[in-house]
Amino acid sequence: QVQLVESGGGLVQAGGSLRLSCATSGLTASTYAMGWFRQAPGKEREFVAAILRSDSNSYYADSVKGRFTISRDNAKNTVYLQMNSLKPEDTALYYCATGPRAVTGPRTFTNYNYWGQGTQVTVPS
């Protein structure tokens, strides 16, 4: 059974940093592309970042490029999202996801089969 468990969310002041973690079980983190998505109240789920099997292939939403970094530790079956210079508009529930079709379109959430339960990030204005 595939499970993804996110952690590391919290409340942080604007300009601060957080590191989210996504621990996988039932598959190795290196098997498929891994993605982070987020959803704010009343808004659609949006792509944040994704990393393919190779660390050299990563993708970012324009809104987070230069501030967020996705990485993976295959030995720990964990994917991370380092978030710096956080803004109030980054407030959302953050999900990690994976699946065999993610590599075909890492920015599209319908390409991901497996999802975690989410971790809340709040940046007060």
N, C-alpha and C. Protein backbone atom coordinates (compact mmCIF):
# COMPACT_ATOMS: atom_id res chain seq x y z
N GLN A 1 0.84 -1.19 0.00
CA GLN A 1 0.00 0.00 0.00
C GLN A 1 0.89 1.25 0.00
N VAL A 2 0.61 2.12 -0.93
CA VAL A 2 1.41 3.34 -1.06
C VAL A 2 0.88 4.39 -0.08
N GLN A 3 1.80 4.97 0.66
CA GLN A 3 1.43 6.05 1.57
C GLN A 3 2.42 7.19 1.45
N LEU A 4 1.89 8.40 1.47
CA LEU A 4 2.70 9.60 1.49
C LEU A 4 2.30 10.39 2.72
N VAL A 5 3.27 10.81 3.49
CA VAL A 5 2.99 11.55 4.72
C VAL A 5 3.80 12.83 4.73
N GLU A 6 3.08 13.95 4.69
CA GLU A 6 3.74 15.25 4.72
C GLU A 6 3.92 15.72 6.17
N SER A 7 4.93 16.53 6.37
CA SER A 7 5.16 17.16 7.67
C SER A 7 5.96 18.43 7.45
N GLY A 8 6.05 19.25 8.51
CA GLY A 8 6.87 20.44 8.44
C GLY A 8 6.12 21.73 8.26
N GLY A 9 4.80 21.65 8.08
CA GLY A 9 4.03 22.87 7.95
C GLY A 9 3.94 23.63 9.27
N GLY A 10 3.40 24.83 9.20
CA GLY A 10 3.25 25.62 10.42
C GLY A 10 2.94 27.06 10.09
N LEU A 11 3.01 27.88 11.12
CA LEU A 11 2.80 29.30 10.98
C LEU A 11 4.14 30.01 10.99
N VAL A 12 4.38 30.84 10.02
CA VAL A 12 5.66 31.53 9.90
C VAL A 12 5.39 32.95 9.41
N GLN A 13 6.16 33.88 9.91
CA GLN A 13 6.00 35.27 9.49
C GLN A 13 6.51 35.46 8.06
N ALA A 14 5.96 36.45 7.41
CA ALA A 14 6.40 36.78 6.05
C ALA A 14 7.91 36.99 6.03
N GLY A 15 8.54 36.42 5.01
CA GLY A 15 9.98 36.48 4.89
C GLY A 15 10.70 35.30 5.52
N GLY A 16 9.96 34.50 6.27
CA GLY A 16 10.54 33.34 6.93
C GLY A 16 10.65 32.13 6.03
N SER A 17 11.08 31.02 6.63
CA SER A 17 11.32 29.79 5.87
C SER A 17 10.69 28.60 6.57
N LEU A 18 10.35 27.62 5.77
CA LEU A 18 9.90 26.33 6.26
C LEU A 18 10.45 25.26 5.32
N ARG A 19 10.63 24.05 5.86
CA ARG A 19 10.97 22.93 5.01
C ARG A 19 9.93 21.85 5.21
N LEU A 20 9.24 21.53 4.13
CA LEU A 20 8.26 20.45 4.15
C LEU A 20 8.94 19.15 3.77
N SER A 21 8.47 18.07 4.38
CA SER A 21 8.97 16.73 4.07
C SER A 21 7.81 15.86 3.63
N CYS A 22 8.11 14.93 2.76
CA CYS A 22 7.12 13.95 2.31
C CYS A 22 7.78 12.58 2.37
N ALA A 23 7.39 11.79 3.36
CA ALA A 23 7.93 10.45 3.51
C ALA A 23 7.04 9.45 2.77
N THR A 24 7.66 8.59 1.99
CA THR A 24 6.90 7.63 1.20
C THR A 24 7.10 6.23 1.75
N SER A 25 6.07 5.42 1.61
CA SER A 25 6.16 4.00 1.93
C SER A 25 5.33 3.25 0.91
N GLY A 26 5.68 2.01 0.70
CA GLY A 26 5.00 1.22 -0.31
C GLY A 26 5.59 1.40 -1.69
N LEU A 27 6.49 2.36 -1.83
CA LEU A 27 7.28 2.53 -3.04
C LEU A 27 8.49 3.34 -2.66
N THR A 28 9.48 3.30 -3.48
CA THR A 28 10.66 4.11 -3.20
C THR A 28 10.47 5.48 -3.82
N ALA A 29 11.01 6.49 -3.15
CA ALA A 29 10.83 7.86 -3.63
C ALA A 29 11.46 8.07 -5.00
N SER A 30 12.36 7.18 -5.37
CA SER A 30 13.04 7.36 -6.65
C SER A 30 12.29 6.71 -7.80
N THR A 31 11.19 5.99 -7.50
CA THR A 31 10.50 5.26 -8.56
C THR A 31 9.84 6.19 -9.57
N TYR A 32 9.15 7.18 -9.06
CA TYR A 32 8.38 8.06 -9.92
C TYR A 32 8.76 9.51 -9.68
N ALA A 33 8.29 10.37 -10.55
CA ALA A 33 8.37 11.80 -10.29
C ALA A 33 7.55 12.13 -9.04
N MET A 34 8.01 13.10 -8.30
CA MET A 34 7.32 13.54 -7.10
C MET A 34 6.94 15.00 -7.27
N GLY A 35 5.77 15.35 -6.81
CA GLY A 35 5.31 16.73 -6.94
C GLY A 35 4.76 17.29 -5.65
N TRP A 36 4.79 18.61 -5.57
CA TRP A 36 4.12 19.33 -4.49
C TRP A 36 3.05 20.23 -5.11
N PHE A 37 1.89 20.19 -4.52
CA PHE A 37 0.78 21.03 -4.92
C PHE A 37 0.25 21.75 -3.68
N ARG A 38 -0.54 22.78 -3.91
CA ARG A 38 -1.14 23.46 -2.75
C ARG A 38 -2.54 23.91 -3.11
N GLN A 39 -3.33 24.08 -2.07
CA GLN A 39 -4.70 24.54 -2.27
C GLN A 39 -5.08 25.46 -1.13
N ALA A 40 -5.44 26.67 -1.49
CA ALA A 40 -5.91 27.65 -0.52
C ALA A 40 -7.44 27.61 -0.48
N PRO A 41 -8.04 28.03 0.61
CA PRO A 41 -9.51 28.01 0.70
C PRO A 41 -10.16 28.76 -0.45
N GLY A 42 -11.12 28.12 -1.09
CA GLY A 42 -11.84 28.75 -2.17
C GLY A 42 -11.11 28.80 -3.49
N LYS A 43 -9.94 28.19 -3.53
CA LYS A 43 -9.15 28.19 -4.77
C LYS A 43 -8.90 26.77 -5.25
N GLU A 44 -8.53 26.66 -6.51
CA GLU A 44 -8.23 25.35 -7.07
C GLU A 44 -6.83 24.91 -6.64
N ARG A 45 -6.65 23.60 -6.66
CA ARG A 45 -5.33 23.06 -6.37
C ARG A 45 -4.36 23.52 -7.45
N GLU A 46 -3.19 23.95 -7.04
CA GLU A 46 -2.22 24.45 -8.02
C GLU A 46 -0.87 23.78 -7.84
N PHE A 47 -0.19 23.67 -8.93
CA PHE A 47 1.15 23.09 -8.96
C PHE A 47 2.14 24.01 -8.27
N VAL A 48 3.05 23.42 -7.53
CA VAL A 48 4.12 24.18 -6.87
C VAL A 48 5.48 23.80 -7.43
N ALA A 49 5.80 22.51 -7.35
CA ALA A 49 7.12 22.05 -7.80
C ALA A 49 7.07 20.55 -8.03
N ALA A 50 7.99 20.07 -8.86
CA ALA A 50 8.10 18.64 -9.11
C ALA A 50 9.54 18.30 -9.40
N ILE A 51 9.89 17.06 -9.10
CA ILE A 51 11.23 16.59 -9.38
C ILE A 51 11.12 15.21 -10.01
N LEU A 52 11.86 15.02 -11.07
CA LEU A 52 11.86 13.73 -11.74
C LEU A 52 12.85 12.80 -11.05
N ARG A 53 13.08 11.65 -11.62
CA ARG A 53 13.97 10.69 -10.98
C ARG A 53 15.38 11.25 -10.82
N SER A 54 15.75 12.13 -11.71
CA SER A 54 17.06 12.76 -11.62
C SER A 54 16.91 14.13 -10.97
N ASP A 55 17.74 14.46 -10.02
CA ASP A 55 17.67 15.77 -9.35
C ASP A 55 17.89 16.92 -10.32
N SER A 56 18.42 16.65 -11.48
CA SER A 56 18.69 17.75 -12.40
C SER A 56 17.44 18.18 -13.15
N ASN A 57 16.39 17.40 -13.03
CA ASN A 57 15.15 17.72 -13.72
C ASN A 57 14.08 18.09 -12.70
N SER A 58 13.92 19.38 -12.50
CA SER A 58 12.90 19.86 -11.57
C SER A 58 12.12 20.98 -12.22
N TYR A 59 10.93 21.19 -11.72
CA TYR A 59 10.02 22.16 -12.30
C TYR A 59 9.41 23.00 -11.17
N TYR A 60 9.14 24.25 -11.47
CA TYR A 60 8.57 25.15 -10.47
C TYR A 60 7.48 26.02 -11.08
N ALA A 61 6.51 26.33 -10.27
CA ALA A 61 5.55 27.35 -10.66
C ALA A 61 6.26 28.70 -10.67
N ASP A 62 5.84 29.56 -11.56
CA ASP A 62 6.47 30.88 -11.64
C ASP A 62 6.38 31.63 -10.31
N SER A 63 5.32 31.40 -9.58
CA SER A 63 5.10 32.14 -8.34
C SER A 63 6.07 31.76 -7.23
N VAL A 64 6.74 30.62 -7.37
CA VAL A 64 7.65 30.18 -6.32
C VAL A 64 9.09 30.07 -6.80
N LYS A 65 9.30 30.24 -8.08
CA LYS A 65 10.64 30.08 -8.64
C LYS A 65 11.61 31.06 -7.98
N GLY A 66 12.76 30.55 -7.58
CA GLY A 66 13.74 31.37 -6.92
C GLY A 66 13.58 31.44 -5.41
N ARG A 67 12.43 30.98 -4.90
CA ARG A 67 12.18 30.99 -3.46
C ARG A 67 12.07 29.57 -2.90
N PHE A 68 11.53 28.65 -3.68
CA PHE A 68 11.32 27.28 -3.23
C PHE A 68 12.30 26.36 -3.95
N THR A 69 12.71 25.30 -3.26
CA THR A 69 13.59 24.30 -3.84
C THR A 69 13.08 22.92 -3.48
N ILE A 70 12.90 22.08 -4.50
CA ILE A 70 12.49 20.70 -4.27
C ILE A 70 13.72 19.81 -4.36
N SER A 71 13.78 18.82 -3.49
CA SER A 71 14.90 17.89 -3.50
C SER A 71 14.40 16.54 -3.01
N ARG A 72 15.23 15.53 -3.20
CA ARG A 72 14.84 14.20 -2.75
C ARG A 72 16.03 13.50 -2.15
N ASP A 73 15.76 12.69 -1.13
CA ASP A 73 16.77 11.84 -0.51
C ASP A 73 16.29 10.42 -0.74
N ASN A 74 16.82 9.78 -1.74
CA ASN A 74 16.34 8.45 -2.10
C ASN A 74 16.62 7.43 -1.01
N ALA A 75 17.68 7.62 -0.28
CA ALA A 75 18.01 6.68 0.80
C ALA A 75 16.96 6.71 1.90
N LYS A 76 16.34 7.85 2.09
CA LYS A 76 15.32 8.02 3.12
C LYS A 76 13.90 7.96 2.56
N ASN A 77 13.79 7.74 1.26
CA ASN A 77 12.47 7.74 0.61
C ASN A 77 11.68 8.99 0.97
N THR A 78 12.34 10.10 0.89
CA THR A 78 11.72 11.36 1.30
C THR A 78 12.00 12.45 0.28
N VAL A 79 11.00 13.27 0.05
CA VAL A 79 11.13 14.44 -0.81
C VAL A 79 10.89 15.68 0.05
N TYR A 80 11.64 16.72 -0.24
CA TYR A 80 11.57 17.94 0.56
C TYR A 80 11.15 19.13 -0.30
N LEU A 81 10.57 20.10 0.34
CA LEU A 81 10.30 21.39 -0.29
C LEU A 81 10.80 22.47 0.65
N GLN A 82 11.94 23.04 0.31
CA GLN A 82 12.48 24.15 1.09
C GLN A 82 11.82 25.43 0.60
N MET A 83 11.19 26.14 1.52
CA MET A 83 10.45 27.35 1.16
C MET A 83 11.06 28.54 1.88
N ASN A 84 11.60 29.46 1.12
CA ASN A 84 12.22 30.67 1.67
C ASN A 84 11.43 31.90 1.24
N SER A 85 11.68 33.00 1.93
CA SER A 85 11.02 34.27 1.59
C SER A 85 9.51 34.10 1.45
N LEU A 86 8.93 33.45 2.42
CA LEU A 86 7.50 33.14 2.34
C LEU A 86 6.65 34.41 2.36
N LYS A 87 5.55 34.33 1.64
CA LYS A 87 4.62 35.45 1.49
C LYS A 87 3.23 35.02 1.95
N PRO A 88 2.39 35.98 2.31
CA PRO A 88 1.02 35.60 2.70
C PRO A 88 0.30 34.79 1.64
N GLU A 89 0.58 35.06 0.38
CA GLU A 89 -0.09 34.31 -0.70
C GLU A 89 0.39 32.87 -0.81
N ASP A 90 1.39 32.50 -0.04
CA ASP A 90 1.82 31.10 0.01
C ASP A 90 0.98 30.28 0.99
N THR A 91 0.12 30.94 1.72
CA THR A 91 -0.74 30.25 2.68
C THR A 91 -1.65 29.25 1.96
N ALA A 92 -1.57 28.00 2.36
CA ALA A 92 -2.35 26.93 1.71
C ALA A 92 -2.09 25.62 2.42
N LEU A 93 -2.88 24.64 2.04
CA LEU A 93 -2.61 23.25 2.42
C LEU A 93 -1.71 22.66 1.33
N TYR A 94 -0.58 22.15 1.74
CA TYR A 94 0.41 21.64 0.79
C TYR A 94 0.37 20.12 0.76
N TYR A 95 0.31 19.58 -0.45
CA TYR A 95 0.24 18.14 -0.66
C TYR A 95 1.44 17.66 -1.46
N CYS A 96 1.94 16.48 -1.13
CA CYS A 96 2.87 15.82 -2.03
C CYS A 96 2.14 14.71 -2.76
N ALA A 97 2.66 14.37 -3.91
CA ALA A 97 1.98 13.39 -4.75
C ALA A 97 2.98 12.69 -5.64
N THR A 98 2.58 11.53 -6.13
CA THR A 98 3.42 10.78 -7.04
C THR A 98 2.58 9.85 -7.88
N GLY A 99 3.19 9.24 -8.85
CA GLY A 99 2.47 8.28 -9.68
C GLY A 99 3.23 8.03 -10.97
N PRO A 100 2.94 6.94 -11.63
CA PRO A 100 3.70 6.55 -12.83
C PRO A 100 3.52 7.50 -14.00
N ARG A 101 2.42 8.24 -14.06
CA ARG A 101 2.21 9.14 -15.19
C ARG A 101 2.68 10.56 -14.92
N ALA A 102 3.15 10.79 -13.73
CA ALA A 102 3.56 12.17 -13.37
C ALA A 102 4.66 12.68 -14.29
N VAL A 103 5.54 11.79 -14.73
CA VAL A 103 6.65 12.21 -15.58
C VAL A 103 6.15 12.76 -16.92
N THR A 104 4.96 12.35 -17.35
CA THR A 104 4.45 12.82 -18.64
C THR A 104 3.93 14.25 -18.56
N GLY A 105 3.63 14.69 -17.37
CA GLY A 105 3.12 16.05 -17.20
C GLY A 105 3.20 16.44 -15.75
N PRO A 106 4.38 16.75 -15.24
CA PRO A 106 4.56 16.96 -13.81
C PRO A 106 3.81 18.14 -13.23
N ARG A 107 3.33 19.06 -14.07
CA ARG A 107 2.60 20.22 -13.56
C ARG A 107 1.09 19.97 -13.43
N THR A 108 0.64 18.82 -13.89
CA THR A 108 -0.80 18.53 -13.95
C THR A 108 -1.19 17.54 -12.87
N PHE A 109 -2.07 17.97 -11.96
CA PHE A 109 -2.34 17.13 -10.80
C PHE A 109 -3.07 15.84 -11.17
N THR A 110 -3.79 15.82 -12.26
CA THR A 110 -4.49 14.59 -12.65
C THR A 110 -3.54 13.49 -13.09
N ASN A 111 -2.27 13.81 -13.27
CA ASN A 111 -1.28 12.79 -13.62
C ASN A 111 -0.74 12.07 -12.40
N TYR A 112 -1.17 12.45 -11.23
CA TYR A 112 -0.66 11.87 -9.99
C TYR A 112 -1.72 10.95 -9.37
N ASN A 113 -1.29 9.74 -9.03
CA ASN A 113 -2.23 8.76 -8.47
C ASN A 113 -2.29 8.80 -6.94
N TYR A 114 -1.16 9.07 -6.32
CA TYR A 114 -1.05 8.92 -4.88
C TYR A 114 -0.81 10.28 -4.24
N TRP A 115 -1.55 10.52 -3.18
CA TRP A 115 -1.50 11.83 -2.51
C TRP A 115 -1.37 11.65 -1.00
N GLY A 116 -0.68 12.59 -0.38
CA GLY A 116 -0.66 12.63 1.06
C GLY A 116 -1.88 13.37 1.59
N GLN A 117 -1.91 13.52 2.91
CA GLN A 117 -3.07 14.15 3.55
C GLN A 117 -2.94 15.67 3.62
N GLY A 118 -1.75 16.17 3.37
CA GLY A 118 -1.53 17.60 3.37
C GLY A 118 -0.97 18.13 4.67
N THR A 119 -0.24 19.23 4.57
CA THR A 119 0.28 19.92 5.74
C THR A 119 0.05 21.42 5.53
N GLN A 120 -0.46 22.07 6.57
CA GLN A 120 -0.88 23.46 6.45
C GLN A 120 0.31 24.41 6.62
N VAL A 121 0.38 25.37 5.72
CA VAL A 121 1.35 26.45 5.81
C VAL A 121 0.58 27.76 5.90
N THR A 122 0.86 28.53 6.93
CA THR A 122 0.16 29.80 7.14
C THR A 122 1.18 30.91 7.29
N VAL A 123 1.03 31.93 6.45
CA VAL A 123 1.90 33.10 6.50
C VAL A 123 0.99 34.30 6.69
N PRO A 124 0.89 34.82 7.89
CA PRO A 124 -0.04 35.94 8.14
C PRO A 124 0.37 37.20 7.39
N SER A 125 -0.63 37.96 7.00
CA SER A 125 -0.34 39.22 6.30
C SER A 125 -0.18 40.35 7.30
